[in-house]
Amino acid sequence: MASAKSSARKKSRAPPKAPRADNRLPQILDAAAALFAARGYQAASIRDIVKVAGMLPGSLYYHFANKDELLAAVYGEGVRRISTAVSAAVAKESDPWAGLEAACVAHLESLVAPSPYAKVVISVQPADVPPVAKALIALRDGYEQQFVALISALPLPLHLRDRKSRTTLRMLLLGALNWAPTWYRPSGASPKRIARDFIHLIKAELAP
């Protein structure tokens, strides 16, 4: 039987601390995305970001060691949003060409939408941020696997069914789509029309 002194000690022990809960991460990411998009990554400071988010620097450093890591998180969220839109669009199609067209429409609509996350994905190049370059490249390459699969499923002419030809087609198509936001105007053709025209031109030349 435990002594009274031992029992008192047990009762006085504080319960173990629960893991720290902090739901400010979305708030931090939104503030960072907005400033990275408006001012550019290099010009936006941690002080600016926490000010927009309405918090102290310590709250940000609880989540990220530095601004480079924060950029990688913003970039990752941007890629995730675009990927989700593309996946949802492709899921509605069974024909390979229709699936690729749906993916291109969703991709371009995401890029020209008034989203700071999309602007960060477009404007930031991995080489601009060497400390997280590998992470950004991995995010980009992971997303592009959706297009690898879509283009691999296309019924191309026999002489274009090799891996090199399909890789070239993917690079050509994504290059055109990713460049479109630089000349796109809301008063002109819609993103859907632009993306569909890209696919129709390619299909007219490549379909067996």
N, C-alpha and C. Protein backbone atom coordinates (compact mmCIF):
# COMPACT_ATOMS: atom_id res chain seq x y z
N MET A 1 0.84 -1.20 0.00
CA MET A 1 0.00 0.00 0.00
C MET A 1 0.87 1.23 0.00
N ALA A 2 0.63 2.23 -0.90
CA ALA A 2 1.46 3.41 -1.00
C ALA A 2 1.28 4.28 0.22
N SER A 3 2.36 4.93 0.65
CA SER A 3 2.29 5.84 1.79
C SER A 3 1.49 7.06 1.43
N ALA A 4 1.02 7.80 2.49
CA ALA A 4 0.26 9.03 2.26
C ALA A 4 1.09 10.05 1.51
N LYS A 5 2.41 10.10 1.83
CA LYS A 5 3.32 11.06 1.18
C LYS A 5 3.44 10.76 -0.31
N SER A 6 3.55 9.44 -0.63
CA SER A 6 3.67 9.04 -2.04
C SER A 6 2.40 9.35 -2.80
N SER A 7 1.24 9.10 -2.14
CA SER A 7 -0.03 9.38 -2.79
C SER A 7 -0.20 10.86 -3.06
N ALA A 8 0.25 11.68 -2.14
CA ALA A 8 0.16 13.13 -2.31
C ALA A 8 0.99 13.58 -3.48
N ARG A 9 2.19 12.94 -3.60
CA ARG A 9 3.06 13.31 -4.72
C ARG A 9 2.41 12.99 -6.05
N LYS A 10 1.75 11.82 -6.13
CA LYS A 10 1.11 11.41 -7.37
C LYS A 10 -0.02 12.34 -7.74
N LYS A 11 -0.78 12.79 -6.72
CA LYS A 11 -1.90 13.67 -6.99
C LYS A 11 -1.46 15.04 -7.44
N SER A 12 -0.26 15.44 -6.98
CA SER A 12 0.21 16.79 -7.29
C SER A 12 0.85 16.89 -8.67
N ARG A 13 1.15 15.72 -9.26
CA ARG A 13 1.78 15.75 -10.58
C ARG A 13 0.84 16.33 -11.62
N ALA A 14 1.35 17.25 -12.42
CA ALA A 14 0.53 17.84 -13.48
C ALA A 14 0.36 16.85 -14.60
N PRO A 15 -0.79 16.85 -15.25
CA PRO A 15 -1.00 15.93 -16.38
C PRO A 15 -0.05 16.29 -17.51
N PRO A 16 0.31 15.33 -18.34
CA PRO A 16 1.22 15.62 -19.44
C PRO A 16 0.63 16.67 -20.38
N LYS A 17 1.50 17.52 -20.91
CA LYS A 17 1.04 18.59 -21.80
C LYS A 17 0.61 18.02 -23.15
N ALA A 18 -0.48 18.53 -23.62
CA ALA A 18 -0.96 18.12 -24.95
C ALA A 18 -0.09 18.78 -26.00
N PRO A 19 0.04 18.17 -27.18
CA PRO A 19 0.81 18.80 -28.26
C PRO A 19 0.26 20.19 -28.56
N ARG A 20 1.18 21.11 -28.84
CA ARG A 20 0.77 22.47 -29.10
C ARG A 20 -0.12 22.55 -30.34
N ALA A 21 -1.26 23.17 -30.18
CA ALA A 21 -2.17 23.33 -31.31
C ALA A 21 -2.04 24.74 -31.86
N ASP A 22 -1.89 24.84 -33.17
CA ASP A 22 -1.77 26.15 -33.80
C ASP A 22 -2.42 26.06 -35.17
N ASN A 23 -3.55 26.73 -35.32
CA ASN A 23 -4.29 26.64 -36.58
C ASN A 23 -4.02 27.83 -37.49
N ARG A 24 -2.88 28.48 -37.28
CA ARG A 24 -2.57 29.67 -38.07
C ARG A 24 -1.84 29.37 -39.37
N LEU A 25 -1.55 28.13 -39.63
CA LEU A 25 -0.79 27.80 -40.84
C LEU A 25 -1.47 28.29 -42.11
N PRO A 26 -2.77 28.03 -42.33
CA PRO A 26 -3.41 28.57 -43.54
C PRO A 26 -3.31 30.09 -43.63
N GLN A 27 -3.41 30.76 -42.48
CA GLN A 27 -3.32 32.22 -42.45
C GLN A 27 -1.93 32.68 -42.88
N ILE A 28 -0.91 31.97 -42.42
CA ILE A 28 0.47 32.30 -42.80
C ILE A 28 0.68 32.07 -44.29
N LEU A 29 0.21 30.94 -44.79
CA LEU A 29 0.39 30.62 -46.21
C LEU A 29 -0.33 31.63 -47.10
N ASP A 30 -1.54 32.02 -46.71
CA ASP A 30 -2.28 32.99 -47.50
C ASP A 30 -1.55 34.33 -47.56
N ALA A 31 -1.04 34.78 -46.42
CA ALA A 31 -0.32 36.06 -46.36
C ALA A 31 0.96 35.99 -47.19
N ALA A 32 1.68 34.89 -47.06
CA ALA A 32 2.93 34.74 -47.82
C ALA A 32 2.65 34.67 -49.31
N ALA A 33 1.64 33.90 -49.71
CA ALA A 33 1.31 33.79 -51.13
C ALA A 33 0.95 35.15 -51.70
N ALA A 34 0.16 35.92 -50.97
CA ALA A 34 -0.25 37.24 -51.44
C ALA A 34 0.94 38.16 -51.65
N LEU A 35 1.87 38.16 -50.70
CA LEU A 35 3.03 39.05 -50.81
C LEU A 35 4.04 38.56 -51.83
N PHE A 36 4.26 37.23 -51.89
CA PHE A 36 5.17 36.70 -52.91
C PHE A 36 4.65 37.03 -54.31
N ALA A 37 3.34 36.93 -54.48
CA ALA A 37 2.74 37.21 -55.79
C ALA A 37 2.79 38.69 -56.12
N ALA A 38 2.55 39.55 -55.15
CA ALA A 38 2.48 40.98 -55.40
C ALA A 38 3.85 41.64 -55.51
N ARG A 39 4.80 41.22 -54.67
CA ARG A 39 6.10 41.89 -54.61
C ARG A 39 7.25 41.08 -55.17
N GLY A 40 7.03 39.78 -55.31
CA GLY A 40 8.13 38.90 -55.68
C GLY A 40 8.73 38.29 -54.43
N TYR A 41 9.28 37.09 -54.57
CA TYR A 41 9.79 36.38 -53.41
C TYR A 41 10.89 37.14 -52.68
N GLN A 42 11.83 37.67 -53.43
CA GLN A 42 12.97 38.34 -52.81
C GLN A 42 12.56 39.59 -52.05
N ALA A 43 11.59 40.33 -52.56
CA ALA A 43 11.20 41.60 -51.96
C ALA A 43 10.30 41.45 -50.74
N ALA A 44 9.61 40.35 -50.62
CA ALA A 44 8.69 40.14 -49.49
C ALA A 44 9.49 39.64 -48.29
N SER A 45 9.39 40.34 -47.17
CA SER A 45 10.14 39.96 -45.98
C SER A 45 9.25 39.22 -44.98
N ILE A 46 9.90 38.51 -44.08
CA ILE A 46 9.16 37.83 -43.00
C ILE A 46 8.37 38.85 -42.20
N ARG A 47 8.96 40.00 -41.93
CA ARG A 47 8.26 41.04 -41.17
C ARG A 47 6.98 41.46 -41.88
N ASP A 48 7.07 41.62 -43.21
CA ASP A 48 5.87 41.98 -43.98
C ASP A 48 4.80 40.89 -43.88
N ILE A 49 5.24 39.66 -43.98
CA ILE A 49 4.30 38.54 -43.99
C ILE A 49 3.55 38.41 -42.66
N VAL A 50 4.29 38.47 -41.56
CA VAL A 50 3.62 38.34 -40.26
C VAL A 50 2.72 39.55 -39.98
N LYS A 51 3.09 40.69 -40.52
CA LYS A 51 2.25 41.87 -40.34
C LYS A 51 0.90 41.69 -41.04
N VAL A 52 0.95 41.20 -42.28
CA VAL A 52 -0.28 40.94 -43.02
C VAL A 52 -1.10 39.85 -42.33
N ALA A 53 -0.42 38.84 -41.80
CA ALA A 53 -1.11 37.74 -41.14
C ALA A 53 -1.63 38.12 -39.76
N GLY A 54 -1.15 39.26 -39.24
CA GLY A 54 -1.59 39.72 -37.93
C GLY A 54 -1.05 38.89 -36.78
N MET A 55 0.23 38.55 -36.85
CA MET A 55 0.83 37.73 -35.79
C MET A 55 2.27 38.14 -35.56
N LEU A 56 2.90 37.53 -34.57
CA LEU A 56 4.30 37.80 -34.26
C LEU A 56 5.20 36.85 -35.05
N PRO A 57 6.45 37.27 -35.29
CA PRO A 57 7.36 36.41 -36.04
C PRO A 57 7.50 35.02 -35.44
N GLY A 58 7.42 34.92 -34.12
CA GLY A 58 7.57 33.62 -33.49
C GLY A 58 6.53 32.62 -33.93
N SER A 59 5.34 33.10 -34.24
CA SER A 59 4.28 32.20 -34.70
C SER A 59 4.63 31.59 -36.05
N LEU A 60 5.30 32.38 -36.90
CA LEU A 60 5.71 31.86 -38.20
C LEU A 60 6.86 30.87 -38.04
N TYR A 61 7.82 31.22 -37.19
CA TYR A 61 8.98 30.34 -37.01
C TYR A 61 8.62 29.04 -36.29
N TYR A 62 7.46 29.00 -35.70
CA TYR A 62 6.98 27.74 -35.12
C TYR A 62 6.74 26.72 -36.23
N HIS A 63 6.38 27.21 -37.43
CA HIS A 63 6.08 26.34 -38.57
C HIS A 63 7.24 26.22 -39.54
N PHE A 64 8.00 27.30 -39.74
CA PHE A 64 9.04 27.31 -40.77
C PHE A 64 10.34 27.90 -40.21
N ALA A 65 11.45 27.27 -40.57
CA ALA A 65 12.74 27.74 -40.08
C ALA A 65 13.16 29.04 -40.75
N ASN A 66 12.72 29.26 -41.99
CA ASN A 66 13.14 30.45 -42.73
C ASN A 66 12.18 30.71 -43.88
N LYS A 67 12.45 31.77 -44.62
CA LYS A 67 11.56 32.18 -45.71
C LYS A 67 11.61 31.19 -46.87
N ASP A 68 12.74 30.53 -47.09
CA ASP A 68 12.83 29.55 -48.17
C ASP A 68 11.86 28.39 -47.93
N GLU A 69 11.82 27.92 -46.69
CA GLU A 69 10.90 26.82 -46.37
C GLU A 69 9.45 27.27 -46.53
N LEU A 70 9.18 28.51 -46.17
CA LEU A 70 7.83 29.05 -46.33
C LEU A 70 7.46 29.10 -47.81
N LEU A 71 8.39 29.51 -48.65
CA LEU A 71 8.13 29.54 -50.09
C LEU A 71 7.79 28.14 -50.60
N ALA A 72 8.57 27.15 -50.16
CA ALA A 72 8.32 25.78 -50.61
C ALA A 72 6.91 25.33 -50.23
N ALA A 73 6.45 25.74 -49.06
CA ALA A 73 5.10 25.37 -48.61
C ALA A 73 4.04 26.07 -49.45
N VAL A 74 4.26 27.35 -49.76
CA VAL A 74 3.31 28.09 -50.61
C VAL A 74 3.28 27.47 -52.01
N TYR A 75 4.45 27.19 -52.54
CA TYR A 75 4.55 26.57 -53.87
C TYR A 75 3.84 25.22 -53.88
N GLY A 76 4.05 24.45 -52.82
CA GLY A 76 3.41 23.14 -52.72
C GLY A 76 1.90 23.24 -52.66
N GLU A 77 1.39 24.24 -51.94
CA GLU A 77 -0.05 24.43 -51.88
C GLU A 77 -0.59 24.84 -53.24
N GLY A 78 0.16 25.67 -53.96
CA GLY A 78 -0.25 26.06 -55.30
C GLY A 78 -0.33 24.88 -56.24
N VAL A 79 0.69 24.04 -56.20
CA VAL A 79 0.72 22.83 -57.04
C VAL A 79 -0.43 21.90 -56.66
N ARG A 80 -0.68 21.77 -55.36
CA ARG A 80 -1.76 20.89 -54.90
C ARG A 80 -3.11 21.35 -55.44
N ARG A 81 -3.35 22.64 -55.43
CA ARG A 81 -4.63 23.17 -55.91
C ARG A 81 -4.80 22.93 -57.41
N ILE A 82 -3.75 23.14 -58.17
CA ILE A 82 -3.82 22.91 -59.61
C ILE A 82 -4.02 21.42 -59.89
N SER A 83 -3.27 20.60 -59.18
CA SER A 83 -3.37 19.15 -59.36
C SER A 83 -4.77 18.63 -59.04
N THR A 84 -5.37 19.17 -57.99
CA THR A 84 -6.72 18.75 -57.61
C THR A 84 -7.72 19.10 -58.71
N ALA A 85 -7.58 20.30 -59.26
CA ALA A 85 -8.49 20.72 -60.34
C ALA A 85 -8.33 19.83 -61.57
N VAL A 86 -7.10 19.51 -61.91
CA VAL A 86 -6.84 18.67 -63.08
C VAL A 86 -7.38 17.26 -62.85
N SER A 87 -7.14 16.71 -61.69
CA SER A 87 -7.61 15.35 -61.39
C SER A 87 -9.14 15.26 -61.48
N ALA A 88 -9.82 16.27 -60.94
CA ALA A 88 -11.28 16.27 -60.98
C ALA A 88 -11.80 16.35 -62.41
N ALA A 89 -11.14 17.14 -63.24
CA ALA A 89 -11.56 17.30 -64.63
C ALA A 89 -11.34 16.02 -65.43
N VAL A 90 -10.19 15.39 -65.23
CA VAL A 90 -9.85 14.18 -65.98
C VAL A 90 -10.75 13.02 -65.59
N ALA A 91 -11.16 12.96 -64.33
CA ALA A 91 -11.98 11.85 -63.84
C ALA A 91 -13.32 11.74 -64.57
N LYS A 92 -13.75 12.81 -65.21
CA LYS A 92 -15.03 12.81 -65.90
C LYS A 92 -14.93 12.28 -67.33
N GLU A 93 -13.71 12.02 -67.80
CA GLU A 93 -13.51 11.61 -69.19
C GLU A 93 -12.95 10.20 -69.28
N SER A 94 -13.33 9.51 -70.34
CA SER A 94 -12.80 8.16 -70.58
C SER A 94 -11.94 8.10 -71.84
N ASP A 95 -12.23 8.95 -72.81
CA ASP A 95 -11.44 9.00 -74.05
C ASP A 95 -10.10 9.68 -73.77
N PRO A 96 -8.98 9.12 -74.24
CA PRO A 96 -7.66 9.69 -73.96
C PRO A 96 -7.50 11.15 -74.40
N TRP A 97 -7.95 11.47 -75.60
CA TRP A 97 -7.83 12.86 -76.07
C TRP A 97 -8.73 13.79 -75.27
N ALA A 98 -9.91 13.34 -74.92
CA ALA A 98 -10.83 14.15 -74.12
C ALA A 98 -10.25 14.37 -72.72
N GLY A 99 -9.59 13.35 -72.20
CA GLY A 99 -8.97 13.47 -70.89
C GLY A 99 -7.84 14.49 -70.89
N LEU A 100 -7.01 14.45 -71.94
CA LEU A 100 -5.91 15.42 -72.04
C LEU A 100 -6.45 16.83 -72.22
N GLU A 101 -7.49 16.96 -73.01
CA GLU A 101 -8.10 18.28 -73.21
C GLU A 101 -8.67 18.82 -71.89
N ALA A 102 -9.35 17.98 -71.14
CA ALA A 102 -9.90 18.40 -69.85
C ALA A 102 -8.80 18.82 -68.90
N ALA A 103 -7.68 18.09 -68.92
CA ALA A 103 -6.55 18.43 -68.05
C ALA A 103 -5.97 19.79 -68.43
N CYS A 104 -5.85 20.04 -69.73
CA CYS A 104 -5.28 21.30 -70.20
C CYS A 104 -6.20 22.48 -69.85
N VAL A 105 -7.49 22.27 -69.99
CA VAL A 105 -8.45 23.33 -69.64
C VAL A 105 -8.34 23.66 -68.15
N ALA A 106 -8.35 22.63 -67.31
CA ALA A 106 -8.27 22.84 -65.86
C ALA A 106 -6.94 23.49 -65.47
N HIS A 107 -5.87 23.06 -66.12
CA HIS A 107 -4.54 23.61 -65.84
C HIS A 107 -4.50 25.11 -66.17
N LEU A 108 -4.95 25.45 -67.36
CA LEU A 108 -4.89 26.86 -67.77
C LEU A 108 -5.87 27.72 -66.97
N GLU A 109 -7.04 27.21 -66.70
CA GLU A 109 -8.00 27.97 -65.88
C GLU A 109 -7.42 28.25 -64.50
N SER A 110 -6.68 27.30 -63.96
CA SER A 110 -6.06 27.49 -62.66
C SER A 110 -4.97 28.56 -62.72
N LEU A 111 -4.21 28.56 -63.80
CA LEU A 111 -3.09 29.50 -63.91
C LEU A 111 -3.55 30.94 -64.10
N VAL A 112 -4.64 31.16 -64.80
CA VAL A 112 -5.09 32.53 -65.06
C VAL A 112 -6.11 33.01 -64.04
N ALA A 113 -6.50 32.15 -63.12
CA ALA A 113 -7.43 32.57 -62.06
C ALA A 113 -6.73 33.59 -61.16
N PRO A 114 -7.49 34.47 -60.51
CA PRO A 114 -6.89 35.47 -59.62
C PRO A 114 -6.42 34.86 -58.31
N SER A 115 -5.50 33.94 -58.40
CA SER A 115 -4.99 33.23 -57.22
C SER A 115 -3.51 33.54 -57.03
N PRO A 116 -3.12 34.06 -55.87
CA PRO A 116 -1.70 34.32 -55.64
C PRO A 116 -0.88 33.03 -55.63
N TYR A 117 -1.50 31.93 -55.23
CA TYR A 117 -0.78 30.66 -55.23
C TYR A 117 -0.37 30.27 -56.65
N ALA A 118 -1.29 30.42 -57.59
CA ALA A 118 -0.97 30.10 -58.98
C ALA A 118 0.12 31.01 -59.51
N LYS A 119 0.07 32.28 -59.13
CA LYS A 119 1.08 33.22 -59.60
C LYS A 119 2.46 32.86 -59.08
N VAL A 120 2.51 32.39 -57.84
CA VAL A 120 3.80 31.96 -57.28
C VAL A 120 4.35 30.76 -58.06
N VAL A 121 3.48 29.80 -58.36
CA VAL A 121 3.91 28.62 -59.12
C VAL A 121 4.45 29.03 -60.49
N ILE A 122 3.81 30.00 -61.11
CA ILE A 122 4.24 30.45 -62.44
C ILE A 122 5.54 31.24 -62.38
N SER A 123 5.63 32.14 -61.42
CA SER A 123 6.71 33.12 -61.41
C SER A 123 8.00 32.65 -60.76
N VAL A 124 7.92 31.74 -59.81
CA VAL A 124 9.12 31.29 -59.10
C VAL A 124 9.76 30.11 -59.83
N GLN A 125 11.03 30.26 -60.16
CA GLN A 125 11.79 29.19 -60.77
C GLN A 125 12.68 28.55 -59.72
N PRO A 126 12.81 27.23 -59.71
CA PRO A 126 13.65 26.56 -58.70
C PRO A 126 15.05 27.15 -58.60
N ALA A 127 15.63 27.52 -59.72
CA ALA A 127 16.98 28.07 -59.70
C ALA A 127 17.07 29.40 -58.94
N ASP A 128 15.93 30.06 -58.77
CA ASP A 128 15.92 31.34 -58.05
C ASP A 128 16.11 31.15 -56.55
N VAL A 129 15.84 29.94 -56.06
CA VAL A 129 15.90 29.68 -54.62
C VAL A 129 16.68 28.38 -54.39
N PRO A 130 17.99 28.41 -54.52
CA PRO A 130 18.81 27.19 -54.43
C PRO A 130 18.56 26.32 -53.20
N PRO A 131 18.34 26.90 -52.00
CA PRO A 131 18.16 26.03 -50.82
C PRO A 131 16.96 25.07 -50.92
N VAL A 132 15.95 25.46 -51.67
CA VAL A 132 14.77 24.57 -51.79
C VAL A 132 14.51 24.19 -53.24
N ALA A 133 15.49 24.37 -54.11
CA ALA A 133 15.32 24.07 -55.53
C ALA A 133 14.89 22.63 -55.76
N LYS A 134 15.53 21.69 -55.08
CA LYS A 134 15.18 20.28 -55.26
C LYS A 134 13.74 20.00 -54.85
N ALA A 135 13.31 20.65 -53.78
CA ALA A 135 11.93 20.45 -53.31
C ALA A 135 10.93 20.99 -54.32
N LEU A 136 11.22 22.14 -54.90
CA LEU A 136 10.31 22.72 -55.89
C LEU A 136 10.27 21.87 -57.15
N ILE A 137 11.42 21.39 -57.57
CA ILE A 137 11.47 20.53 -58.76
C ILE A 137 10.69 19.24 -58.52
N ALA A 138 10.82 18.68 -57.33
CA ALA A 138 10.09 17.45 -57.01
C ALA A 138 8.58 17.69 -57.03
N LEU A 139 8.15 18.83 -56.54
CA LEU A 139 6.72 19.16 -56.57
C LEU A 139 6.23 19.29 -58.01
N ARG A 140 7.00 19.99 -58.82
CA ARG A 140 6.63 20.18 -60.23
C ARG A 140 6.61 18.85 -60.98
N ASP A 141 7.65 18.05 -60.78
CA ASP A 141 7.73 16.76 -61.48
C ASP A 141 6.60 15.82 -61.04
N GLY A 142 6.27 15.86 -59.76
CA GLY A 142 5.19 15.03 -59.27
C GLY A 142 3.87 15.38 -59.93
N TYR A 143 3.63 16.68 -60.07
CA TYR A 143 2.41 17.13 -60.73
C TYR A 143 2.39 16.71 -62.20
N GLU A 144 3.51 16.85 -62.87
CA GLU A 144 3.56 16.55 -64.30
C GLU A 144 3.37 15.07 -64.61
N GLN A 145 3.45 14.23 -63.58
CA GLN A 145 3.19 12.80 -63.81
C GLN A 145 1.76 12.58 -64.28
N GLN A 146 0.86 13.48 -63.94
CA GLN A 146 -0.51 13.38 -64.44
C GLN A 146 -0.52 13.50 -65.97
N PHE A 147 0.28 14.39 -66.50
CA PHE A 147 0.36 14.58 -67.95
C PHE A 147 1.16 13.47 -68.61
N VAL A 148 2.13 12.93 -67.89
CA VAL A 148 2.87 11.77 -68.42
C VAL A 148 1.89 10.63 -68.68
N ALA A 149 1.02 10.37 -67.71
CA ALA A 149 0.05 9.29 -67.85
C ALA A 149 -0.96 9.57 -68.97
N LEU A 150 -1.42 10.80 -69.05
CA LEU A 150 -2.41 11.16 -70.07
C LEU A 150 -1.83 11.04 -71.48
N ILE A 151 -0.63 11.50 -71.66
CA ILE A 151 -0.01 11.46 -72.98
C ILE A 151 0.41 10.04 -73.34
N SER A 152 0.77 9.25 -72.33
CA SER A 152 1.12 7.84 -72.60
C SER A 152 -0.08 7.06 -73.11
N ALA A 153 -1.29 7.52 -72.75
CA ALA A 153 -2.51 6.81 -73.15
C ALA A 153 -3.00 7.20 -74.54
N LEU A 154 -2.41 8.24 -75.15
CA LEU A 154 -2.88 8.70 -76.45
C LEU A 154 -2.58 7.69 -77.56
N PRO A 155 -3.50 7.48 -78.45
CA PRO A 155 -3.28 6.58 -79.58
C PRO A 155 -2.53 7.31 -80.71
N LEU A 156 -1.26 7.53 -80.51
CA LEU A 156 -0.46 8.27 -81.49
C LEU A 156 -0.04 7.37 -82.64
N PRO A 157 0.40 7.98 -83.76
CA PRO A 157 0.93 7.17 -84.86
C PRO A 157 2.09 6.31 -84.39
N LEU A 158 2.30 5.21 -85.02
CA LEU A 158 3.31 4.24 -84.57
C LEU A 158 4.68 4.87 -84.39
N HIS A 159 5.08 5.77 -85.30
CA HIS A 159 6.43 6.33 -85.22
C HIS A 159 6.58 7.39 -84.12
N LEU A 160 5.49 7.72 -83.43
CA LEU A 160 5.55 8.70 -82.35
C LEU A 160 5.20 8.10 -81.00
N ARG A 161 5.18 6.80 -80.92
CA ARG A 161 4.77 6.16 -79.67
C ARG A 161 5.93 5.88 -78.72
N ASP A 162 7.14 6.26 -79.11
CA ASP A 162 8.27 6.05 -78.21
C ASP A 162 8.26 7.08 -77.09
N ARG A 163 9.01 6.79 -76.06
CA ARG A 163 9.02 7.65 -74.86
C ARG A 163 9.53 9.05 -75.16
N LYS A 164 10.54 9.16 -76.00
CA LYS A 164 11.12 10.47 -76.32
C LYS A 164 10.09 11.37 -76.99
N SER A 165 9.33 10.83 -77.94
CA SER A 165 8.33 11.62 -78.65
C SER A 165 7.23 12.09 -77.69
N ARG A 166 6.82 11.20 -76.80
CA ARG A 166 5.77 11.58 -75.85
C ARG A 166 6.28 12.62 -74.84
N THR A 167 7.54 12.51 -74.46
CA THR A 167 8.13 13.51 -73.55
C THR A 167 8.19 14.87 -74.23
N THR A 168 8.57 14.87 -75.50
CA THR A 168 8.63 16.12 -76.25
C THR A 168 7.26 16.75 -76.37
N LEU A 169 6.25 15.92 -76.62
CA LEU A 169 4.88 16.42 -76.72
C LEU A 169 4.44 17.04 -75.39
N ARG A 170 4.77 16.38 -74.29
CA ARG A 170 4.39 16.92 -72.97
C ARG A 170 5.06 18.26 -72.71
N MET A 171 6.34 18.35 -73.01
CA MET A 171 7.07 19.60 -72.79
C MET A 171 6.53 20.72 -73.67
N LEU A 172 6.21 20.39 -74.91
CA LEU A 172 5.65 21.36 -75.84
C LEU A 172 4.31 21.89 -75.33
N LEU A 173 3.44 20.97 -74.90
CA LEU A 173 2.11 21.35 -74.47
C LEU A 173 2.14 22.14 -73.16
N LEU A 174 2.87 21.66 -72.17
CA LEU A 174 2.94 22.37 -70.89
C LEU A 174 3.66 23.71 -71.03
N GLY A 175 4.65 23.75 -71.92
CA GLY A 175 5.33 25.02 -72.16
C GLY A 175 4.38 26.07 -72.71
N ALA A 176 3.54 25.64 -73.66
CA ALA A 176 2.57 26.57 -74.24
C ALA A 176 1.54 27.00 -73.20
N LEU A 177 1.05 26.08 -72.41
CA LEU A 177 0.06 26.40 -71.39
C LEU A 177 0.64 27.32 -70.31
N ASN A 178 1.86 27.03 -69.88
CA ASN A 178 2.47 27.82 -68.80
C ASN A 178 2.86 29.22 -69.26
N TRP A 179 3.06 29.39 -70.56
CA TRP A 179 3.41 30.71 -71.08
C TRP A 179 2.16 31.55 -71.35
N ALA A 180 1.04 30.89 -71.54
CA ALA A 180 -0.20 31.59 -71.90
C ALA A 180 -0.58 32.72 -70.94
N PRO A 181 -0.40 32.60 -69.62
CA PRO A 181 -0.79 33.69 -68.73
C PRO A 181 -0.06 35.01 -69.01
N THR A 182 1.07 34.97 -69.71
CA THR A 182 1.79 36.21 -69.99
C THR A 182 1.11 37.02 -71.08
N TRP A 183 0.35 36.36 -71.94
CA TRP A 183 -0.34 37.12 -73.00
C TRP A 183 -1.86 37.02 -72.91
N TYR A 184 -2.36 36.21 -72.01
CA TYR A 184 -3.81 36.04 -71.86
C TYR A 184 -4.48 37.35 -71.44
N ARG A 185 -5.63 37.62 -72.04
CA ARG A 185 -6.44 38.79 -71.67
C ARG A 185 -7.87 38.34 -71.43
N PRO A 186 -8.48 38.71 -70.31
CA PRO A 186 -9.87 38.30 -70.03
C PRO A 186 -10.85 38.70 -71.12
N SER A 187 -10.51 39.76 -71.86
CA SER A 187 -11.42 40.22 -72.92
C SER A 187 -11.31 39.37 -74.18
N GLY A 188 -10.32 38.50 -74.24
CA GLY A 188 -10.13 37.67 -75.43
C GLY A 188 -10.75 36.29 -75.27
N ALA A 189 -10.16 35.33 -75.93
CA ALA A 189 -10.66 33.95 -75.85
C ALA A 189 -10.56 33.43 -74.42
N SER A 190 -11.50 32.58 -74.03
CA SER A 190 -11.51 32.03 -72.68
C SER A 190 -10.39 31.01 -72.51
N PRO A 191 -9.97 30.74 -71.28
CA PRO A 191 -8.96 29.70 -71.06
C PRO A 191 -9.39 28.36 -71.64
N LYS A 192 -10.69 28.06 -71.54
CA LYS A 192 -11.21 26.81 -72.08
C LYS A 192 -11.01 26.76 -73.60
N ARG A 193 -11.31 27.86 -74.26
CA ARG A 193 -11.17 27.90 -75.72
C ARG A 193 -9.70 27.79 -76.12
N ILE A 194 -8.84 28.48 -75.41
CA ILE A 194 -7.41 28.45 -75.73
C ILE A 194 -6.86 27.03 -75.58
N ALA A 195 -7.14 26.40 -74.43
CA ALA A 195 -6.63 25.06 -74.18
C ALA A 195 -7.18 24.06 -75.19
N ARG A 196 -8.47 24.18 -75.49
CA ARG A 196 -9.07 23.27 -76.47
C ARG A 196 -8.47 23.46 -77.86
N ASP A 197 -8.19 24.69 -78.23
CA ASP A 197 -7.57 24.95 -79.54
C ASP A 197 -6.18 24.31 -79.61
N PHE A 198 -5.43 24.40 -78.51
CA PHE A 198 -4.11 23.75 -78.46
C PHE A 198 -4.25 22.26 -78.78
N ILE A 199 -5.19 21.61 -78.09
CA ILE A 199 -5.35 20.17 -78.26
C ILE A 199 -5.87 19.81 -79.65
N HIS A 200 -6.80 20.60 -80.15
CA HIS A 200 -7.34 20.31 -81.49
C HIS A 200 -6.27 20.43 -82.56
N LEU A 201 -5.38 21.40 -82.43
CA LEU A 201 -4.29 21.55 -83.39
C LEU A 201 -3.34 20.37 -83.31
N ILE A 202 -3.01 19.96 -82.11
CA ILE A 202 -2.10 18.81 -81.93
C ILE A 202 -2.75 17.53 -82.43
N LYS A 203 -4.01 17.35 -82.07
CA LYS A 203 -4.69 16.13 -82.46
C LYS A 203 -4.83 16.04 -83.98
N ALA A 204 -5.06 17.15 -84.64
CA ALA A 204 -5.19 17.14 -86.10
C ALA A 204 -3.93 16.67 -86.78
N GLU A 205 -2.77 16.92 -86.14
CA GLU A 205 -1.50 16.52 -86.71
C GLU A 205 -1.05 15.13 -86.28
N LEU A 206 -1.46 14.73 -85.07
CA LEU A 206 -0.90 13.50 -84.50
C LEU A 206 -1.85 12.31 -84.45
N ALA A 207 -3.14 12.57 -84.47
CA ALA A 207 -4.07 11.44 -84.39
C ALA A 207 -3.88 10.51 -85.60
N PRO A 208 -3.92 9.20 -85.41
CA PRO A 208 -3.69 8.24 -86.52
C PRO A 208 -4.75 8.41 -87.61
